[in-house]
Amino acid sequence: MSKASLDNRHRNHDGEISHKHGNALIGTLRKIYGQSFAAGYPATEKLSEILLQLNETSLSQLRRDHETGHLEHKIAQASK
């Protein structure tokens, strides 16, 4: 069973996302989730570098797509 960190983020989910999709650029993810995704971070930043600082809205979007298996496909399509 996973333990939640202080802000209720489950580290196993964040770790899985970072491991599988950590090289995705924030600019690519903004093509998927909109310009407000990871607000305040440059488009050239990698997801793995800022994952733990994401606000709840951005993190929820990532988790939803990761858990349903859609994140990899969405990143591949946005990267084209």
PDB file of N, CA and C in Angstrom:
ATOM      1  N   MET A   1       0.844  -1.175   0.000  1.00  0.00           N
ATOM      2  CA  MET A   1       0.000   0.000   0.000  1.00  0.00           C
ATOM      3  C   MET A   1       0.886   1.234   0.000  1.00  0.00           C
ATOM      4  N   SER A   2       0.549   2.240  -0.794  1.00  0.00           N
ATOM      5  CA  SER A   2       1.364   3.449  -0.863  1.00  0.00           C
ATOM      6  C   SER A   2       0.967   4.415   0.239  1.00  0.00           C
ATOM      7  N   LYS A   3       1.931   5.220   0.623  1.00  0.00           N
ATOM      8  CA  LYS A   3       1.663   6.241   1.629  1.00  0.00           C
ATOM      9  C   LYS A   3       1.644   7.595   0.955  1.00  0.00           C
ATOM     10  N   ALA A   4       0.704   8.423   1.363  1.00  0.00           N
ATOM     11  CA  ALA A   4       0.617   9.759   0.805  1.00  0.00           C
ATOM     12  C   ALA A   4       1.652  10.649   1.468  1.00  0.00           C
ATOM     13  N   SER A   5       2.192  11.568   0.697  1.00  0.00           N
ATOM     14  CA  SER A   5       3.111  12.542   1.272  1.00  0.00           C
ATOM     15  C   SER A   5       2.293  13.592   2.015  1.00  0.00           C
ATOM     16  N   LEU A   6       2.955  14.605   2.515  1.00  0.00           N
ATOM     17  CA  LEU A   6       2.270  15.601   3.326  1.00  0.00           C
ATOM     18  C   LEU A   6       1.134  16.301   2.593  1.00  0.00           C
ATOM     19  N   ASP A   7       1.260  16.496   1.296  1.00  0.00           N
ATOM     20  CA  ASP A   7       0.201  17.169   0.561  1.00  0.00           C
ATOM     21  C   ASP A   7      -0.733  16.181  -0.141  1.00  0.00           C
ATOM     22  N   ASN A   8      -0.781  14.949   0.335  1.00  0.00           N
ATOM     23  CA  ASN A   8      -1.674  13.892  -0.146  1.00  0.00           C
ATOM     24  C   ASN A   8      -1.374  13.401  -1.551  1.00  0.00           C
ATOM     25  N   ARG A   9      -0.197  13.661  -2.059  1.00  0.00           N
ATOM     26  CA  ARG A   9       0.187  13.107  -3.352  1.00  0.00           C
ATOM     27  C   ARG A   9       0.780  11.733  -3.109  1.00  0.00           C
ATOM     28  N   HIS A  10       0.356  10.771  -3.851  1.00  0.00           N
ATOM     29  CA  HIS A  10       0.863   9.423  -3.683  1.00  0.00           C
ATOM     30  C   HIS A  10       2.139   9.264  -4.487  1.00  0.00           C
ATOM     31  N   ARG A  11       3.222   9.001  -3.795  1.00  0.00           N
ATOM     32  CA  ARG A  11       4.524   8.971  -4.432  1.00  0.00           C
ATOM     33  C   ARG A  11       4.644   7.904  -5.507  1.00  0.00           C
ATOM     34  N   ASN A  12       3.970   6.786  -5.366  1.00  0.00           N
ATOM     35  CA  ASN A  12       4.108   5.763  -6.400  1.00  0.00           C
ATOM     36  C   ASN A  12       3.540   6.247  -7.726  1.00  0.00           C
ATOM     37  N   HIS A  13       2.443   7.000  -7.727  1.00  0.00           N
ATOM     38  CA  HIS A  13       1.886   7.536  -8.971  1.00  0.00           C
ATOM     39  C   HIS A  13       2.830   8.572  -9.576  1.00  0.00           C
ATOM     40  N   ASP A  14       3.344   9.480  -8.751  1.00  0.00           N
ATOM     41  CA  ASP A  14       4.253  10.496  -9.251  1.00  0.00           C
ATOM     42  C   ASP A  14       5.527   9.858  -9.792  1.00  0.00           C
ATOM     43  N   GLY A  15       6.021   8.844  -9.112  1.00  0.00           N
ATOM     44  CA  GLY A  15       7.222   8.156  -9.553  1.00  0.00           C
ATOM     45  C   GLY A  15       7.025   7.437 -10.871  1.00  0.00           C
ATOM     46  N   GLU A  16       5.871   6.810 -11.045  1.00  0.00           N
ATOM     47  CA  GLU A  16       5.563   6.122 -12.300  1.00  0.00           C
ATOM     48  C   GLU A  16       5.480   7.117 -13.450  1.00  0.00           C
ATOM     49  N   ILE A  17       4.823   8.223 -13.218  1.00  0.00           N
ATOM     50  CA  ILE A  17       4.692   9.240 -14.256  1.00  0.00           C
ATOM     51  C   ILE A  17       6.059   9.790 -14.618  1.00  0.00           C
ATOM     52  N   SER A  18       6.857  10.105 -13.614  1.00  0.00           N
ATOM     53  CA  SER A  18       8.183  10.653 -13.867  1.00  0.00           C
ATOM     54  C   SER A  18       9.063   9.660 -14.608  1.00  0.00           C
ATOM     55  N   HIS A  19       9.003   8.397 -14.217  1.00  0.00           N
ATOM     56  CA  HIS A  19       9.826   7.370 -14.846  1.00  0.00           C
ATOM     57  C   HIS A  19       9.435   7.164 -16.308  1.00  0.00           C
ATOM     58  N   LYS A  20       8.150   7.078 -16.576  1.00  0.00           N
ATOM     59  CA  LYS A  20       7.678   6.790 -17.930  1.00  0.00           C
ATOM     60  C   LYS A  20       7.655   8.009 -18.838  1.00  0.00           C
ATOM     61  N   HIS A  21       7.379   9.193 -18.279  1.00  0.00           N
ATOM     62  CA  HIS A  21       7.144  10.376 -19.103  1.00  0.00           C
ATOM     63  C   HIS A  21       7.972  11.580 -18.673  1.00  0.00           C
ATOM     64  N   GLY A  22       8.974  11.348 -17.868  1.00  0.00           N
ATOM     65  CA  GLY A  22       9.775  12.444 -17.317  1.00  0.00           C
ATOM     66  C   GLY A  22      10.493  13.297 -18.330  1.00  0.00           C
ATOM     67  N   ASN A  23      10.789  12.751 -19.509  1.00  0.00           N
ATOM     68  CA  ASN A  23      11.477  13.527 -20.536  1.00  0.00           C
ATOM     69  C   ASN A  23      10.549  14.417 -21.348  1.00  0.00           C
ATOM     70  N   ALA A  24       9.240  14.306 -21.116  1.00  0.00           N
ATOM     71  CA  ALA A  24       8.285  15.134 -21.848  1.00  0.00           C
ATOM     72  C   ALA A  24       8.497  16.594 -21.473  1.00  0.00           C
ATOM     73  N   LEU A  25       8.523  17.446 -22.476  1.00  0.00           N
ATOM     74  CA  LEU A  25       8.690  18.873 -22.227  1.00  0.00           C
ATOM     75  C   LEU A  25       7.360  19.502 -21.828  1.00  0.00           C
ATOM     76  N   ILE A  26       7.438  20.508 -20.991  1.00  0.00           N
ATOM     77  CA  ILE A  26       6.231  21.210 -20.554  1.00  0.00           C
ATOM     78  C   ILE A  26       5.507  21.809 -21.755  1.00  0.00           C
ATOM     79  N   GLY A  27       6.252  22.282 -22.736  1.00  0.00           N
ATOM     80  CA  GLY A  27       5.630  22.817 -23.952  1.00  0.00           C
ATOM     81  C   GLY A  27       4.776  21.783 -24.665  1.00  0.00           C
ATOM     82  N   THR A  28       5.234  20.551 -24.694  1.00  0.00           N
ATOM     83  CA  THR A  28       4.457  19.466 -25.306  1.00  0.00           C
ATOM     84  C   THR A  28       3.189  19.207 -24.507  1.00  0.00           C
ATOM     85  N   LEU A  29       3.316  19.179 -23.193  1.00  0.00           N
ATOM     86  CA  LEU A  29       2.147  18.927 -22.338  1.00  0.00           C
ATOM     87  C   LEU A  29       1.141  20.073 -22.429  1.00  0.00           C
ATOM     88  N   ARG A  30       1.607  21.290 -22.687  1.00  0.00           N
ATOM     89  CA  ARG A  30       0.686  22.412 -22.864  1.00  0.00           C
ATOM     90  C   ARG A  30      -0.135  22.264 -24.136  1.00  0.00           C
ATOM     91  N   LYS A  31       0.395  21.590 -25.138  1.00  0.00           N
ATOM     92  CA  LYS A  31      -0.381  21.323 -26.352  1.00  0.00           C
ATOM     93  C   LYS A  31      -1.558  20.408 -26.026  1.00  0.00           C
ATOM     94  N   ILE A  32      -1.390  19.557 -25.023  1.00  0.00           N
ATOM     95  CA  ILE A  32      -2.433  18.610 -24.620  1.00  0.00           C
ATOM     96  C   ILE A  32      -3.417  19.249 -23.652  1.00  0.00           C
ATOM     97  N   TYR A  33      -2.884  19.903 -22.615  1.00  0.00           N
ATOM     98  CA  TYR A  33      -3.717  20.362 -21.500  1.00  0.00           C
ATOM     99  C   TYR A  33      -4.002  21.858 -21.485  1.00  0.00           C
ATOM    100  N   GLY A  34      -3.424  22.600 -22.402  1.00  0.00           N
ATOM    101  CA  GLY A  34      -3.657  24.036 -22.462  1.00  0.00           C
ATOM    102  C   GLY A  34      -2.502  24.831 -21.880  1.00  0.00           C
ATOM    103  N   GLN A  35      -2.486  26.112 -22.185  1.00  0.00           N
ATOM    104  CA  GLN A  35      -1.374  26.976 -21.817  1.00  0.00           C
ATOM    105  C   GLN A  35      -1.221  27.186 -20.311  1.00  0.00           C
ATOM    106  N   SER A  36      -2.243  26.898 -19.546  1.00  0.00           N
ATOM    107  CA  SER A  36      -2.147  27.079 -18.094  1.00  0.00           C
ATOM    108  C   SER A  36      -1.486  25.897 -17.391  1.00  0.00           C
ATOM    109  N   PHE A  37      -1.183  24.817 -18.139  1.00  0.00           N
ATOM    110  CA  PHE A  37      -0.530  23.656 -17.537  1.00  0.00           C
ATOM    111  C   PHE A  37       0.850  24.063 -17.051  1.00  0.00           C
ATOM    112  N   ALA A  38       1.168  23.734 -15.805  1.00  0.00           N
ATOM    113  CA  ALA A  38       2.467  24.033 -15.187  1.00  0.00           C
ATOM    114  C   ALA A  38       2.801  25.512 -15.337  1.00  0.00           C
ATOM    115  N   ALA A  39       1.826  26.354 -15.025  1.00  0.00           N
ATOM    116  CA  ALA A  39       2.009  27.800 -15.142  1.00  0.00           C
ATOM    117  C   ALA A  39       3.233  28.251 -14.347  1.00  0.00           C
ATOM    118  N   GLY A  40       3.994  29.137 -14.937  1.00  0.00           N
ATOM    119  CA  GLY A  40       5.167  29.679 -14.280  1.00  0.00           C
ATOM    120  C   GLY A  40       6.458  28.948 -14.609  1.00  0.00           C
ATOM    121  N   TYR A  41       6.360  27.848 -15.326  1.00  0.00           N
ATOM    122  CA  TYR A  41       7.557  27.088 -15.710  1.00  0.00           C
ATOM    123  C   TYR A  41       7.785  27.241 -17.204  1.00  0.00           C
ATOM    124  N   PRO A  42       9.053  27.298 -17.624  1.00  0.00           N
ATOM    125  CA  PRO A  42       9.338  27.441 -19.052  1.00  0.00           C
ATOM    126  C   PRO A  42       8.916  26.204 -19.848  1.00  0.00           C
ATOM    127  N   ALA A  43       8.569  26.434 -21.103  1.00  0.00           N
ATOM    128  CA  ALA A  43       8.139  25.344 -21.989  1.00  0.00           C
ATOM    129  C   ALA A  43       9.249  24.332 -22.224  1.00  0.00           C
ATOM    130  N   THR A  44      10.494  24.733 -22.009  1.00  0.00           N
ATOM    131  CA  THR A  44      11.645  23.859 -22.250  1.00  0.00           C
ATOM    132  C   THR A  44      11.998  22.983 -21.053  1.00  0.00           C
ATOM    133  N   GLU A  45      11.298  23.165 -19.955  1.00  0.00           N
ATOM    134  CA  GLU A  45      11.550  22.370 -18.741  1.00  0.00           C
ATOM    135  C   GLU A  45      11.002  20.957 -18.943  1.00  0.00           C
ATOM    136  N   LYS A  46      11.677  19.971 -18.393  1.00  0.00           N
ATOM    137  CA  LYS A  46      11.209  18.585 -18.461  1.00  0.00           C
ATOM    138  C   LYS A  46      10.232  18.312 -17.318  1.00  0.00           C
ATOM    139  N   LEU A  47       9.276  17.448 -17.566  1.00  0.00           N
ATOM    140  CA  LEU A  47       8.280  17.090 -16.555  1.00  0.00           C
ATOM    141  C   LEU A  47       8.938  16.566 -15.282  1.00  0.00           C
ATOM    142  N   SER A  48       9.966  15.743 -15.422  1.00  0.00           N
ATOM    143  CA  SER A  48      10.619  15.162 -14.248  1.00  0.00           C
ATOM    144  C   SER A  48      11.215  16.214 -13.331  1.00  0.00           C
ATOM    145  N   GLU A  49      11.580  17.364 -13.890  1.00  0.00           N
ATOM    146  CA  GLU A  49      12.215  18.416 -13.100  1.00  0.00           C
ATOM    147  C   GLU A  49      11.221  19.212 -12.264  1.00  0.00           C
ATOM    148  N   ILE A  50       9.952  19.200 -12.640  1.00  0.00           N
ATOM    149  CA  ILE A  50       8.972  20.018 -11.922  1.00  0.00           C
ATOM    150  C   ILE A  50       7.768  19.243 -11.398  1.00  0.00           C
ATOM    151  N   LEU A  51       7.740  17.955 -11.612  1.00  0.00           N
ATOM    152  CA  LEU A  51       6.562  17.156 -11.274  1.00  0.00           C
ATOM    153  C   LEU A  51       6.076  17.389  -9.846  1.00  0.00           C
ATOM    154  N   LEU A  52       6.974  17.407  -8.897  1.00  0.00           N
ATOM    155  CA  LEU A  52       6.562  17.541  -7.495  1.00  0.00           C
ATOM    156  C   LEU A  52       6.079  18.941  -7.137  1.00  0.00           C
ATOM    157  N   GLN A  53       6.303  19.911  -8.023  1.00  0.00           N
ATOM    158  CA  GLN A  53       5.850  21.278  -7.767  1.00  0.00           C
ATOM    159  C   GLN A  53       4.558  21.627  -8.506  1.00  0.00           C
ATOM    160  N   LEU A  54       4.019  20.695  -9.283  1.00  0.00           N
ATOM    161  CA  LEU A  54       2.801  20.986 -10.044  1.00  0.00           C
ATOM    162  C   LEU A  54       1.629  21.267  -9.123  1.00  0.00           C
ATOM    163  N   ASN A  55       0.759  22.154  -9.583  1.00  0.00           N
ATOM    164  CA  ASN A  55      -0.456  22.409  -8.802  1.00  0.00           C
ATOM    165  C   ASN A  55      -1.415  21.234  -8.970  1.00  0.00           C
ATOM    166  N   GLU A  56      -2.413  21.189  -8.165  1.00  0.00           N
ATOM    167  CA  GLU A  56      -3.325  20.042  -8.128  1.00  0.00           C
ATOM    168  C   GLU A  56      -4.050  19.829  -9.453  1.00  0.00           C
ATOM    169  N   THR A  57      -4.420  20.904 -10.134  1.00  0.00           N
ATOM    170  CA  THR A  57      -5.128  20.770 -11.406  1.00  0.00           C
ATOM    171  C   THR A  57      -4.251  20.093 -12.451  1.00  0.00           C
ATOM    172  N   SER A  58      -3.029  20.581 -12.604  1.00  0.00           N
ATOM    173  CA  SER A  58      -2.120  19.996 -13.594  1.00  0.00           C
ATOM    174  C   SER A  58      -1.789  18.551 -13.245  1.00  0.00           C
ATOM    175  N   LEU A  59      -1.537  18.283 -11.977  1.00  0.00           N
ATOM    176  CA  LEU A  59      -1.202  16.927 -11.554  1.00  0.00           C
ATOM    177  C   LEU A  59      -2.380  15.982 -11.747  1.00  0.00           C
ATOM    178  N   SER A  60      -3.579  16.442 -11.473  1.00  0.00           N
ATOM    179  CA  SER A  60      -4.775  15.604 -11.648  1.00  0.00           C
ATOM    180  C   SER A  60      -4.969  15.222 -13.110  1.00  0.00           C
ATOM    181  N   GLN A  61      -4.708  16.162 -14.008  1.00  0.00           N
ATOM    182  CA  GLN A  61      -4.837  15.867 -15.436  1.00  0.00           C
ATOM    183  C   GLN A  61      -3.854  14.770 -15.841  1.00  0.00           C
ATOM    184  N   LEU A  62      -2.615  14.901 -15.402  1.00  0.00           N
ATOM    185  CA  LEU A  62      -1.604  13.894 -15.717  1.00  0.00           C
ATOM    186  C   LEU A  62      -1.970  12.537 -15.154  1.00  0.00           C
ATOM    187  N   ARG A  63      -2.358  12.505 -13.895  1.00  0.00           N
ATOM    188  CA  ARG A  63      -2.703  11.232 -13.253  1.00  0.00           C
ATOM    189  C   ARG A  63      -3.860  10.538 -13.938  1.00  0.00           C
ATOM    190  N   ARG A  64      -4.876  11.296 -14.292  1.00  0.00           N
ATOM    191  CA  ARG A  64      -6.049  10.718 -14.952  1.00  0.00           C
ATOM    192  C   ARG A  64      -5.630  10.025 -16.246  1.00  0.00           C
ATOM    193  N   ASP A  65      -4.870  10.727 -17.076  1.00  0.00           N
ATOM    194  CA  ASP A  65      -4.456  10.141 -18.348  1.00  0.00           C
ATOM    195  C   ASP A  65      -3.460   9.009 -18.159  1.00  0.00           C
ATOM    196  N   HIS A  66      -2.594   9.110 -17.170  1.00  0.00           N
ATOM    197  CA  HIS A  66      -1.643   8.038 -16.888  1.00  0.00           C
ATOM    198  C   HIS A  66      -2.377   6.776 -16.438  1.00  0.00           C
ATOM    199  N   GLU A  67      -3.322   6.923 -15.541  1.00  0.00           N
ATOM    200  CA  GLU A  67      -4.044   5.776 -14.999  1.00  0.00           C
ATOM    201  C   GLU A  67      -4.937   5.105 -16.038  1.00  0.00           C
ATOM    202  N   THR A  68      -5.425   5.868 -17.009  1.00  0.00           N
ATOM    203  CA  THR A  68      -6.271   5.282 -18.055  1.00  0.00           C
ATOM    204  C   THR A  68      -5.452   4.797 -19.246  1.00  0.00           C
ATOM    205  N   GLY A  69      -4.144   5.040 -19.209  1.00  0.00           N
ATOM    206  CA  GLY A  69      -3.268   4.587 -20.279  1.00  0.00           C
ATOM    207  C   GLY A  69      -3.231   5.491 -21.497  1.00  0.00           C
ATOM    208  N   HIS A  70      -3.747   6.701 -21.378  1.00  0.00           N
ATOM    209  CA  HIS A  70      -3.803   7.617 -22.512  1.00  0.00           C
ATOM    210  C   HIS A  70      -2.626   8.594 -22.591  1.00  0.00           C
ATOM    211  N   LEU A  71      -1.874   8.746 -21.531  1.00  0.00           N
ATOM    212  CA  LEU A  71      -0.837   9.776 -21.505  1.00  0.00           C
ATOM    213  C   LEU A  71       0.232   9.556 -22.564  1.00  0.00           C
ATOM    214  N   GLU A  72       0.718   8.339 -22.697  1.00  0.00           N
ATOM    215  CA  GLU A  72       1.774   8.066 -23.670  1.00  0.00           C
ATOM    216  C   GLU A  72       1.330   8.426 -25.093  1.00  0.00           C
ATOM    217  N   HIS A  73       0.123   8.046 -25.452  1.00  0.00           N
ATOM    218  CA  HIS A  73      -0.407   8.346 -26.787  1.00  0.00           C
ATOM    219  C   HIS A  73      -0.555   9.854 -26.984  1.00  0.00           C
ATOM    220  N   LYS A  74      -1.070  10.538 -25.991  1.00  0.00           N
ATOM    221  CA  LYS A  74      -1.269  11.990 -26.105  1.00  0.00           C
ATOM    222  C   LYS A  74       0.070  12.715 -26.269  1.00  0.00           C
ATOM    223  N   ILE A  75       1.089  12.278 -25.511  1.00  0.00           N
ATOM    224  CA  ILE A  75       2.407  12.908 -25.627  1.00  0.00           C
ATOM    225  C   ILE A  75       2.981  12.648 -27.016  1.00  0.00           C
ATOM    226  N   ALA A  76       2.854  11.426 -27.515  1.00  0.00           N
ATOM    227  CA  ALA A  76       3.367  11.092 -28.839  1.00  0.00           C
ATOM    228  C   ALA A  76       2.683  11.938 -29.921  1.00  0.00           C
ATOM    229  N   GLN A  77       1.383  12.109 -29.819  1.00  0.00           N
ATOM    230  CA  GLN A  77       0.655  12.901 -30.813  1.00  0.00           C
ATOM    231  C   GLN A  77       1.047  14.382 -30.734  1.00  0.00           C
ATOM    232  N   ALA A  78       1.192  14.916 -29.541  1.00  0.00           N
ATOM    233  CA  ALA A  78       1.543  16.329 -29.369  1.00  0.00           C
ATOM    234  C   ALA A  78       2.978  16.625 -29.754  1.00  0.00           C
ATOM    235  N   SER A  79       3.830  15.626 -29.728  1.00  0.00           N
ATOM    236  CA  SER A  79       5.236  15.802 -30.057  1.00  0.00           C
ATOM    237  C   SER A  79       5.482  15.882 -31.559  1.00  0.00           C
ATOM    238  N   LYS A  80       4.511  15.491 -32.349  1.00  0.00           N
ATOM    239  CA  LYS A  80       4.659  15.470 -33.813  1.00  0.00           C
ATOM    240  C   LYS A  80       4.656  16.859 -34.386  1.00  0.00           C
TER     241      LYS A  80
END
